[in-house]
Amino acid sequence: MKRALVIGSINIDRVYELEHIVRPGETVSSRKYRTAWGGKGLNQAIALSRGGAETALAGCVGAAELEALVAVCA
């Protein structure tokens, strides 16, 4: 089995769904809000793992996010 170590960014993406793109000077409210894990490092590690490689990821996250990230990646 191939092995990979990915060193890269780990982010939380915050996604707001809007009715339309905001125009200059306009204020709008979002219809929906969701969070998702992202970042180039995490995305590459997931792709390698799904492709069959034994994968490790090195990156930085805040202490509050660590438990949730471990649960998602386990």
PDB file of N, CA and C in Angstrom:
ATOM      1  N   MET A   1       0.840  -1.179   0.000  1.00  0.00           N
ATOM      2  CA  MET A   1       0.000   0.000   0.000  1.00  0.00           C
ATOM      3  C   MET A   1       0.890   1.248   0.000  1.00  0.00           C
ATOM      4  N   LYS A   2       0.524   2.228  -0.798  1.00  0.00           N
ATOM      5  CA  LYS A   2       1.230   3.505  -0.838  1.00  0.00           C
ATOM      6  C   LYS A   2       0.956   4.274   0.442  1.00  0.00           C
ATOM      7  N   ARG A   3       1.952   5.038   0.883  1.00  0.00           N
ATOM      8  CA  ARG A   3       1.803   5.855   2.079  1.00  0.00           C
ATOM      9  C   ARG A   3       2.045   7.311   1.713  1.00  0.00           C
ATOM     10  N   ALA A   4       1.299   8.217   2.350  1.00  0.00           N
ATOM     11  CA  ALA A   4       1.447   9.645   2.050  1.00  0.00           C
ATOM     12  C   ALA A   4       1.335  10.459   3.328  1.00  0.00           C
ATOM     13  N   LEU A   5       2.141  11.501   3.416  1.00  0.00           N
ATOM     14  CA  LEU A   5       2.023  12.501   4.470  1.00  0.00           C
ATOM     15  C   LEU A   5       1.696  13.811   3.792  1.00  0.00           C
ATOM     16  N   VAL A   6       0.564  14.400   4.144  1.00  0.00           N
ATOM     17  CA  VAL A   6       0.151  15.680   3.591  1.00  0.00           C
ATOM     18  C   VAL A   6       0.379  16.736   4.661  1.00  0.00           C
ATOM     19  N   ILE A   7       1.102  17.793   4.313  1.00  0.00           N
ATOM     20  CA  ILE A   7       1.300  18.927   5.207  1.00  0.00           C
ATOM     21  C   ILE A   7       0.619  20.105   4.537  1.00  0.00           C
ATOM     22  N   GLY A   8      -0.463  20.589   5.144  1.00  0.00           N
ATOM     23  CA  GLY A   8      -1.205  21.658   4.489  1.00  0.00           C
ATOM     24  C   GLY A   8      -2.288  22.240   5.355  1.00  0.00           C
ATOM     25  N   SER A   9      -3.065  23.096   4.749  1.00  0.00           N
ATOM     26  CA  SER A   9      -4.083  23.850   5.479  1.00  0.00           C
ATOM     27  C   SER A   9      -5.310  23.003   5.791  1.00  0.00           C
ATOM     28  N   ILE A  10      -5.896  23.309   6.939  1.00  0.00           N
ATOM     29  CA  ILE A  10      -7.155  22.709   7.377  1.00  0.00           C
ATOM     30  C   ILE A  10      -8.043  23.884   7.770  1.00  0.00           C
ATOM     31  N   ASN A  11      -9.174  24.027   7.121  1.00  0.00           N
ATOM     32  CA  ASN A  11     -10.047  25.176   7.359  1.00  0.00           C
ATOM     33  C   ASN A  11     -11.474  24.739   7.635  1.00  0.00           C
ATOM     34  N   ILE A  12     -12.231  25.646   8.195  1.00  0.00           N
ATOM     35  CA  ILE A  12     -13.677  25.479   8.280  1.00  0.00           C
ATOM     36  C   ILE A  12     -14.276  26.442   7.265  1.00  0.00           C
ATOM     37  N   ASP A  13     -14.986  25.907   6.280  1.00  0.00           N
ATOM     38  CA  ASP A  13     -15.668  26.735   5.289  1.00  0.00           C
ATOM     39  C   ASP A  13     -17.027  27.131   5.843  1.00  0.00           C
ATOM     40  N   ARG A  14     -17.329  28.406   5.775  1.00  0.00           N
ATOM     41  CA  ARG A  14     -18.638  28.908   6.189  1.00  0.00           C
ATOM     42  C   ARG A  14     -19.373  29.342   4.921  1.00  0.00           C
ATOM     43  N   VAL A  15     -20.493  28.696   4.645  1.00  0.00           N
ATOM     44  CA  VAL A  15     -21.205  28.894   3.387  1.00  0.00           C
ATOM     45  C   VAL A  15     -22.565  29.528   3.671  1.00  0.00           C
ATOM     46  N   TYR A  16     -22.803  30.674   3.059  1.00  0.00           N
ATOM     47  CA  TYR A  16     -24.076  31.378   3.192  1.00  0.00           C
ATOM     48  C   TYR A  16     -24.795  31.322   1.849  1.00  0.00           C
ATOM     49  N   GLU A  17     -26.052  30.911   1.849  1.00  0.00           N
ATOM     50  CA  GLU A  17     -26.835  30.861   0.617  1.00  0.00           C
ATOM     51  C   GLU A  17     -27.665  32.136   0.521  1.00  0.00           C
ATOM     52  N   LEU A  18     -27.527  32.842  -0.609  1.00  0.00           N
ATOM     53  CA  LEU A  18     -28.226  34.106  -0.827  1.00  0.00           C
ATOM     54  C   LEU A  18     -29.191  33.984  -1.996  1.00  0.00           C
ATOM     55  N   GLU A  19     -30.174  34.853  -2.015  1.00  0.00           N
ATOM     56  CA  GLU A  19     -31.124  34.903  -3.137  1.00  0.00           C
ATOM     57  C   GLU A  19     -30.415  35.348  -4.419  1.00  0.00           C
ATOM     58  N   HIS A  20     -29.487  36.289  -4.291  1.00  0.00           N
ATOM     59  CA  HIS A  20     -28.756  36.811  -5.442  1.00  0.00           C
ATOM     60  C   HIS A  20     -27.428  37.383  -4.949  1.00  0.00           C
ATOM     61  N   ILE A  21     -26.542  37.681  -5.870  1.00  0.00           N
ATOM     62  CA  ILE A  21     -25.260  38.286  -5.513  1.00  0.00           C
ATOM     63  C   ILE A  21     -25.525  39.700  -5.014  1.00  0.00           C
ATOM     64  N   VAL A  22     -24.885  40.041  -3.928  1.00  0.00           N
ATOM     65  CA  VAL A  22     -25.107  41.340  -3.293  1.00  0.00           C
ATOM     66  C   VAL A  22     -24.587  42.453  -4.194  1.00  0.00           C
ATOM     67  N   ARG A  23     -25.401  43.498  -4.328  1.00  0.00           N
ATOM     68  CA  ARG A  23     -25.023  44.664  -5.127  1.00  0.00           C
ATOM     69  C   ARG A  23     -24.337  45.689  -4.219  1.00  0.00           C
ATOM     70  N   PRO A  24     -23.532  46.575  -4.782  1.00  0.00           N
ATOM     71  CA  PRO A  24     -22.870  47.593  -3.965  1.00  0.00           C
ATOM     72  C   PRO A  24     -23.880  48.394  -3.136  1.00  0.00           C
ATOM     73  N   GLY A  25     -23.618  48.530  -1.844  1.00  0.00           N
ATOM     74  CA  GLY A  25     -24.482  49.285  -0.949  1.00  0.00           C
ATOM     75  C   GLY A  25     -25.686  48.522  -0.431  1.00  0.00           C
ATOM     76  N   GLU A  26     -25.899  47.302  -0.889  1.00  0.00           N
ATOM     77  CA  GLU A  26     -27.063  46.508  -0.503  1.00  0.00           C
ATOM     78  C   GLU A  26     -26.742  45.644   0.719  1.00  0.00           C
ATOM     79  N   THR A  27     -27.739  45.459   1.563  1.00  0.00           N
ATOM     80  CA  THR A  27     -27.635  44.552   2.701  1.00  0.00           C
ATOM     81  C   THR A  27     -28.665  43.455   2.520  1.00  0.00           C
ATOM     82  N   VAL A  28     -28.240  42.207   2.650  1.00  0.00           N
ATOM     83  CA  VAL A  28     -29.152  41.079   2.498  1.00  0.00           C
ATOM     84  C   VAL A  28     -28.963  40.106   3.653  1.00  0.00           C
ATOM     85  N   SER A  29     -29.954  39.258   3.847  1.00  0.00           N
ATOM     86  CA  SER A  29     -29.861  38.173   4.822  1.00  0.00           C
ATOM     87  C   SER A  29     -29.729  36.858   4.066  1.00  0.00           C
ATOM     88  N   SER A  30     -29.021  35.930   4.658  1.00  0.00           N
ATOM     89  CA  SER A  30     -28.856  34.640   3.994  1.00  0.00           C
ATOM     90  C   SER A  30     -30.060  33.749   4.257  1.00  0.00           C
ATOM     91  N   ARG A  31     -30.352  32.863   3.281  1.00  0.00           N
ATOM     92  CA  ARG A  31     -31.446  31.904   3.435  1.00  0.00           C
ATOM     93  C   ARG A  31     -30.999  30.703   4.239  1.00  0.00           C
ATOM     94  N   LYS A  32     -29.762  30.289   4.029  1.00  0.00           N
ATOM     95  CA  LYS A  32     -29.219  29.120   4.719  1.00  0.00           C
ATOM     96  C   LYS A  32     -27.769  29.388   5.078  1.00  0.00           C
ATOM     97  N   TYR A  33     -27.312  28.686   6.103  1.00  0.00           N
ATOM     98  CA  TYR A  33     -25.920  28.763   6.535  1.00  0.00           C
ATOM     99  C   TYR A  33     -25.466  27.357   6.897  1.00  0.00           C
ATOM    100  N   ARG A  34     -24.264  26.997   6.470  1.00  0.00           N
ATOM    101  CA  ARG A  34     -23.718  25.698   6.862  1.00  0.00           C
ATOM    102  C   ARG A  34     -22.204  25.812   6.970  1.00  0.00           C
ATOM    103  N   THR A  35     -21.639  24.887   7.705  1.00  0.00           N
ATOM    104  CA  THR A  35     -20.189  24.808   7.799  1.00  0.00           C
ATOM    105  C   THR A  35     -19.740  23.466   7.242  1.00  0.00           C
ATOM    106  N   ALA A  36     -18.536  23.453   6.718  1.00  0.00           N
ATOM    107  CA  ALA A  36     -17.963  22.223   6.175  1.00  0.00           C
ATOM    108  C   ALA A  36     -16.452  22.299   6.332  1.00  0.00           C
ATOM    109  N   TRP A  37     -15.831  21.145   6.504  1.00  0.00           N
ATOM    110  CA  TRP A  37     -14.378  21.105   6.591  1.00  0.00           C
ATOM    111  C   TRP A  37     -13.789  21.270   5.206  1.00  0.00           C
ATOM    112  N   GLY A  38     -12.686  21.997   5.106  1.00  0.00           N
ATOM    113  CA  GLY A  38     -12.023  22.205   3.831  1.00  0.00           C
ATOM    114  C   GLY A  38     -10.553  22.526   4.036  1.00  0.00           C
ATOM    115  N   GLY A  39      -9.973  23.143   3.050  1.00  0.00           N
ATOM    116  CA  GLY A  39      -8.546  23.454   3.061  1.00  0.00           C
ATOM    117  C   GLY A  39      -7.818  22.522   2.106  1.00  0.00           C
ATOM    118  N   LYS A  40      -6.814  23.043   1.429  1.00  0.00           N
ATOM    119  CA  LYS A  40      -6.109  22.240   0.421  1.00  0.00           C
ATOM    120  C   LYS A  40      -5.499  20.984   1.013  1.00  0.00           C
ATOM    121  N   GLY A  41      -4.898  21.099   2.189  1.00  0.00           N
ATOM    122  CA  GLY A  41      -4.274  19.929   2.806  1.00  0.00           C
ATOM    123  C   GLY A  41      -5.279  18.843   3.127  1.00  0.00           C
ATOM    124  N   LEU A  42      -6.372  19.229   3.774  1.00  0.00           N
ATOM    125  CA  LEU A  42      -7.400  18.249   4.141  1.00  0.00           C
ATOM    126  C   LEU A  42      -8.020  17.620   2.902  1.00  0.00           C
ATOM    127  N   ASN A  43      -8.324  18.432   1.904  1.00  0.00           N
ATOM    128  CA  ASN A  43      -8.930  17.897   0.681  1.00  0.00           C
ATOM    129  C   ASN A  43      -8.008  16.896  -0.015  1.00  0.00           C
ATOM    130  N   GLN A  44      -6.714  17.193  -0.068  1.00  0.00           N
ATOM    131  CA  GLN A  44      -5.763  16.269  -0.696  1.00  0.00           C
ATOM    132  C   GLN A  44      -5.630  14.984   0.110  1.00  0.00           C
ATOM    133  N   ALA A  45      -5.616  15.107   1.442  1.00  0.00           N
ATOM    134  CA  ALA A  45      -5.514  13.916   2.291  1.00  0.00           C
ATOM    135  C   ALA A  45      -6.729  13.010   2.111  1.00  0.00           C
ATOM    136  N   ILE A  46      -7.900  13.600   2.021  1.00  0.00           N
ATOM    137  CA  ILE A  46      -9.119  12.812   1.808  1.00  0.00           C
ATOM    138  C   ILE A  46      -9.056  12.102   0.458  1.00  0.00           C
ATOM    139  N   ALA A  47      -8.632  12.824  -0.582  1.00  0.00           N
ATOM    140  CA  ALA A  47      -8.545  12.218  -1.919  1.00  0.00           C
ATOM    141  C   ALA A  47      -7.551  11.055  -1.937  1.00  0.00           C
ATOM    142  N   LEU A  48      -6.400  11.228  -1.302  1.00  0.00           N
ATOM    143  CA  LEU A  48      -5.411  10.147  -1.253  1.00  0.00           C
ATOM    144  C   LEU A  48      -5.947   8.937  -0.504  1.00  0.00           C
ATOM    145  N   SER A  49      -6.609   9.196   0.615  1.00  0.00           N
ATOM    146  CA  SER A  49      -7.166   8.105   1.414  1.00  0.00           C
ATOM    147  C   SER A  49      -8.231   7.344   0.632  1.00  0.00           C
ATOM    148  N   ARG A  50      -9.101   8.075  -0.039  1.00  0.00           N
ATOM    149  CA  ARG A  50     -10.143   7.429  -0.844  1.00  0.00           C
ATOM    150  C   ARG A  50      -9.546   6.656  -2.015  1.00  0.00           C
ATOM    151  N   GLY A  51      -8.363   7.092  -2.462  1.00  0.00           N
ATOM    152  CA  GLY A  51      -7.677   6.397  -3.545  1.00  0.00           C
ATOM    153  C   GLY A  51      -6.885   5.186  -3.079  1.00  0.00           C
ATOM    154  N   GLY A  52      -6.933   4.905  -1.783  1.00  0.00           N
ATOM    155  CA  GLY A  52      -6.310   3.699  -1.276  1.00  0.00           C
ATOM    156  C   GLY A  52      -4.986   3.881  -0.565  1.00  0.00           C
ATOM    157  N   ALA A  53      -4.490   5.107  -0.461  1.00  0.00           N
ATOM    158  CA  ALA A  53      -3.210   5.337   0.213  1.00  0.00           C
ATOM    159  C   ALA A  53      -3.404   5.408   1.726  1.00  0.00           C
ATOM    160  N   GLU A  54      -2.426   4.890   2.448  1.00  0.00           N
ATOM    161  CA  GLU A  54      -2.397   5.077   3.898  1.00  0.00           C
ATOM    162  C   GLU A  54      -1.944   6.520   4.109  1.00  0.00           C
ATOM    163  N   THR A  55      -2.815   7.357   4.671  1.00  0.00           N
ATOM    164  CA  THR A  55      -2.601   8.799   4.648  1.00  0.00           C
ATOM    165  C   THR A  55      -2.532   9.390   6.045  1.00  0.00           C
ATOM    166  N   ALA A  56      -1.576  10.285   6.242  1.00  0.00           N
ATOM    167  CA  ALA A  56      -1.471  11.077   7.466  1.00  0.00           C
ATOM    168  C   ALA A  56      -1.536  12.546   7.069  1.00  0.00           C
ATOM    169  N   LEU A  57      -2.094  13.373   7.946  1.00  0.00           N
ATOM    170  CA  LEU A  57      -2.258  14.801   7.675  1.00  0.00           C
ATOM    171  C   LEU A  57      -1.637  15.594   8.810  1.00  0.00           C
ATOM    172  N   ALA A  58      -0.795  16.562   8.472  1.00  0.00           N
ATOM    173  CA  ALA A  58      -0.215  17.472   9.455  1.00  0.00           C
ATOM    174  C   ALA A  58      -0.673  18.882   9.122  1.00  0.00           C
ATOM    175  N   GLY A  59      -1.286  19.537  10.089  1.00  0.00           N
ATOM    176  CA  GLY A  59      -1.759  20.896   9.903  1.00  0.00           C
ATOM    177  C   GLY A  59      -2.154  21.463  11.248  1.00  0.00           C
ATOM    178  N   CYS A  60      -2.609  22.688  11.266  1.00  0.00           N
ATOM    179  CA  CYS A  60      -2.990  23.351  12.510  1.00  0.00           C
ATOM    180  C   CYS A  60      -4.487  23.625  12.536  1.00  0.00           C
ATOM    181  N   VAL A  61      -5.102  23.342  13.681  1.00  0.00           N
ATOM    182  CA  VAL A  61      -6.493  23.713  13.932  1.00  0.00           C
ATOM    183  C   VAL A  61      -6.585  24.203  15.366  1.00  0.00           C
ATOM    184  N   GLY A  62      -7.627  24.964  15.671  1.00  0.00           N
ATOM    185  CA  GLY A  62      -7.844  25.404  17.035  1.00  0.00           C
ATOM    186  C   GLY A  62      -8.302  24.252  17.909  1.00  0.00           C
ATOM    187  N   ALA A  63      -8.089  24.393  19.205  1.00  0.00           N
ATOM    188  CA  ALA A  63      -8.449  23.328  20.150  1.00  0.00           C
ATOM    189  C   ALA A  63      -9.934  22.999  20.090  1.00  0.00           C
ATOM    190  N   ALA A  64     -10.779  23.999  19.895  1.00  0.00           N
ATOM    191  CA  ALA A  64     -12.227  23.770  19.871  1.00  0.00           C
ATOM    192  C   ALA A  64     -12.645  22.935  18.666  1.00  0.00           C
ATOM    193  N   GLU A  65     -11.928  23.061  17.566  1.00  0.00           N
ATOM    194  CA  GLU A  65     -12.283  22.350  16.344  1.00  0.00           C
ATOM    195  C   GLU A  65     -11.684  20.952  16.271  1.00  0.00           C
ATOM    196  N   LEU A  66     -10.665  20.671  17.066  1.00  0.00           N
ATOM    197  CA  LEU A  66      -9.935  19.415  16.939  1.00  0.00           C
ATOM    198  C   LEU A  66     -10.823  18.192  17.135  1.00  0.00           C
ATOM    199  N   GLU A  67     -11.655  18.188  18.156  1.00  0.00           N
ATOM    200  CA  GLU A  67     -12.509  17.027  18.429  1.00  0.00           C
ATOM    201  C   GLU A  67     -13.452  16.754  17.264  1.00  0.00           C
ATOM    202  N   ALA A  68     -14.057  17.804  16.720  1.00  0.00           N
ATOM    203  CA  ALA A  68     -14.978  17.629  15.594  1.00  0.00           C
ATOM    204  C   ALA A  68     -14.238  17.122  14.359  1.00  0.00           C
ATOM    205  N   LEU A  69     -13.033  17.615  14.117  1.00  0.00           N
ATOM    206  CA  LEU A  69     -12.259  17.173  12.961  1.00  0.00           C
ATOM    207  C   LEU A  69     -11.872  15.708  13.080  1.00  0.00           C
ATOM    208  N   VAL A  70     -11.447  15.296  14.250  1.00  0.00           N
ATOM    209  CA  VAL A  70     -11.077  13.894  14.459  1.00  0.00           C
ATOM    210  C   VAL A  70     -12.280  12.992  14.210  1.00  0.00           C
ATOM    211  N   ALA A  71     -13.463  13.401  14.659  1.00  0.00           N
ATOM    212  CA  ALA A  71     -14.672  12.602  14.458  1.00  0.00           C
ATOM    213  C   ALA A  71     -14.997  12.459  12.973  1.00  0.00           C
ATOM    214  N   VAL A  72     -14.812  13.523  12.205  1.00  0.00           N
ATOM    215  CA  VAL A  72     -15.109  13.488  10.772  1.00  0.00           C
ATOM    216  C   VAL A  72     -14.114  12.606  10.029  1.00  0.00           C
ATOM    217  N   CYS A  73     -12.856  12.663  10.403  1.00  0.00           N
ATOM    218  CA  CYS A  73     -11.801  11.954   9.668  1.00  0.00           C
ATOM    219  C   CYS A  73     -11.607  10.514  10.112  1.00  0.00           C
ATOM    220  N   ALA A  74     -12.208  10.119  11.202  1.00  0.00           N
ATOM    221  CA  ALA A  74     -11.993   8.758  11.720  1.00  0.00           C
ATOM    222  C   ALA A  74     -12.648   7.717  10.841  1.00  0.00           C
TER     223      ALA A  74
END
